[in-house]
Amino acid sequence: MILVGQYDSPVTRRVAVALHHYGIPFTRDTRSIFGDAEAVGQISPLTRIPALVLDDGVLIDSAAILDHLDAQAGDRALVPGSGPARRQVLQMTALAQGTLEKAAAVVYERHFHPPTHQ
């Protein structure tokens, strides 16, 4: 199993934490979408990280990756399998992820776009 992404990405860290929590061995491919977008694009069709390279394919998007890891973990899953508890965890995760994406967009806009294009 290969985790593609750098730890400066909070979503890559999120997947790595789950892998460590479950004791699943993995290696890291630290290519960056900023430094090596072409190579990342060959792994992830959307040129996004994280990506998890499995023996039988590649998973992209942290939610899909974590769902796969939870399924492997069985009763040790971090997210409940069903019911109100699952919906509550997914709702809180969606709020946290959305907040993170908005904050990243503000940083990107302020630091990578000239003021005339903001």
Protein backbone atom coordinates (compact mmCIF):
# COMPACT_ATOMS: atom_id res chain seq x y z
CA MET A 1 0.00 0.00 0.00
CA ILE A 2 1.38 3.40 -0.98
CA LEU A 3 0.04 6.69 0.33
CA VAL A 4 0.63 9.44 -2.21
CA GLY A 5 0.86 12.95 -0.77
CA GLN A 6 2.85 15.13 1.53
CA TYR A 7 2.13 15.60 5.20
CA ASP A 8 1.68 19.34 4.69
CA SER A 9 -1.73 18.28 3.33
CA PRO A 10 -4.20 17.84 6.19
CA VAL A 11 -6.19 15.27 4.21
CA THR A 12 -3.05 13.22 3.59
CA ARG A 13 -2.25 13.41 7.30
CA ARG A 14 -5.81 12.30 8.06
CA VAL A 15 -5.34 9.13 5.99
CA ALA A 16 -1.88 8.50 7.47
CA VAL A 17 -3.26 8.78 11.01
CA ALA A 18 -5.93 6.19 10.19
CA LEU A 19 -3.35 3.86 8.64
CA HIS A 20 -1.17 4.15 11.75
CA HIS A 21 -4.19 3.73 14.05
CA TYR A 22 -5.16 0.50 12.30
CA GLY A 23 -1.57 -0.73 12.18
CA ILE A 24 -1.72 -1.08 8.40
CA PRO A 25 1.76 -1.01 6.88
CA PHE A 26 2.27 1.46 4.06
CA THR A 27 4.96 3.38 2.26
CA ARG A 28 4.79 7.00 1.18
CA ASP A 29 5.20 8.65 -2.17
CA THR A 30 5.83 12.28 -1.31
CA ARG A 31 5.30 13.74 -4.74
CA SER A 32 3.51 17.06 -4.72
CA ILE A 33 0.79 18.32 -7.03
CA PHE A 34 2.69 21.61 -7.12
CA GLY A 35 6.10 20.12 -7.83
CA ASP A 36 5.21 17.06 -9.90
CA ALA A 37 1.60 17.37 -11.08
CA GLU A 38 2.20 15.24 -14.16
CA ALA A 39 3.40 12.26 -12.13
CA VAL A 40 0.57 12.67 -9.60
CA GLY A 41 -1.87 12.83 -12.51
CA GLN A 42 -0.67 9.43 -13.68
CA ILE A 43 -1.68 8.03 -10.29
CA SER A 44 -4.74 10.16 -9.54
CA PRO A 45 -6.93 11.04 -12.55
CA LEU A 46 -8.02 14.31 -10.89
CA THR A 47 -4.40 15.19 -9.99
CA ARG A 48 -5.42 15.36 -6.33
CA ILE A 49 -3.97 13.95 -3.20
CA PRO A 50 -4.19 11.87 -1.18
CA ALA A 51 -4.27 8.77 -3.27
CA LEU A 52 -3.87 5.26 -1.91
CA VAL A 53 -2.28 2.77 -4.27
CA LEU A 54 -3.55 -0.75 -3.57
CA ASP A 55 -2.58 -4.05 -5.16
CA ASP A 56 -5.79 -3.96 -7.20
CA GLY A 57 -6.12 -0.26 -8.02
CA VAL A 58 -5.98 3.27 -6.70
CA LEU A 59 -8.37 5.03 -4.34
CA ILE A 60 -8.65 8.81 -4.48
CA ASP A 61 -10.38 11.22 -2.11
CA SER A 62 -9.76 10.92 1.61
CA ALA A 63 -13.38 10.00 2.40
CA ALA A 64 -13.30 7.05 -0.03
CA ILE A 65 -9.91 5.97 1.29
CA LEU A 66 -11.04 6.15 4.91
CA ASP A 67 -14.23 4.25 4.10
CA HIS A 68 -12.10 1.48 2.60
CA LEU A 69 -9.81 1.43 5.66
CA ASP A 70 -12.80 1.33 8.03
CA ALA A 71 -14.21 -1.63 6.09
CA GLN A 72 -10.89 -3.45 6.54
CA ALA A 73 -10.82 -2.61 10.25
CA GLY A 74 -14.20 -4.19 10.99
CA ASP A 75 -15.26 -3.55 14.59
CA ARG A 76 -12.21 -1.30 15.12
CA ALA A 77 -13.51 1.20 12.53
CA LEU A 78 -13.24 4.85 13.49
CA VAL A 79 -16.64 5.60 11.91
CA PRO A 80 -19.67 3.59 12.99
CA GLY A 81 -21.08 1.36 10.27
CA SER A 82 -24.65 2.66 10.37
CA GLY A 83 -27.30 4.57 12.24
CA PRO A 84 -27.41 7.96 13.97
CA ALA A 85 -23.84 7.68 15.27
CA ARG A 86 -22.52 7.23 11.71
CA ARG A 87 -24.52 10.19 10.42
CA GLN A 88 -23.26 12.36 13.28
CA VAL A 89 -19.62 11.47 12.56
CA LEU A 90 -20.09 12.04 8.82
CA GLN A 91 -21.79 15.40 9.44
CA MET A 92 -19.03 16.60 11.75
CA THR A 93 -16.40 15.38 9.29
CA ALA A 94 -18.13 17.20 6.42
CA LEU A 95 -18.24 20.44 8.43
CA ALA A 96 -14.57 20.14 9.36
CA GLN A 97 -13.56 19.28 5.79
CA GLY A 98 -15.61 22.15 4.36
CA THR A 99 -14.06 24.60 6.82
CA LEU A 100 -10.60 23.36 5.89
CA GLU A 101 -11.31 23.75 2.17
CA LYS A 102 -12.60 27.31 2.65
CA ALA A 103 -9.55 28.25 4.72
CA ALA A 104 -7.23 26.77 2.11
CA ALA A 105 -9.03 28.70 -0.64
CA VAL A 106 -8.53 31.97 1.25
CA VAL A 107 -4.82 31.27 1.73
CA TYR A 108 -4.41 30.26 -1.90
CA GLU A 109 -6.26 33.36 -3.10
CA ARG A 110 -4.22 35.73 -0.93
CA HIS A 111 -0.82 34.20 -1.59
CA PHE A 112 -0.96 32.90 -5.15
CA HIS A 113 -3.18 35.38 -6.98
CA PRO A 114 -2.12 38.95 -7.59
CA PRO A 115 -4.34 41.50 -5.80
CA THR A 116 -5.82 42.60 -9.13
CA HIS A 117 -7.16 39.08 -9.70
CA GLN A 118 -8.48 38.39 -6.22
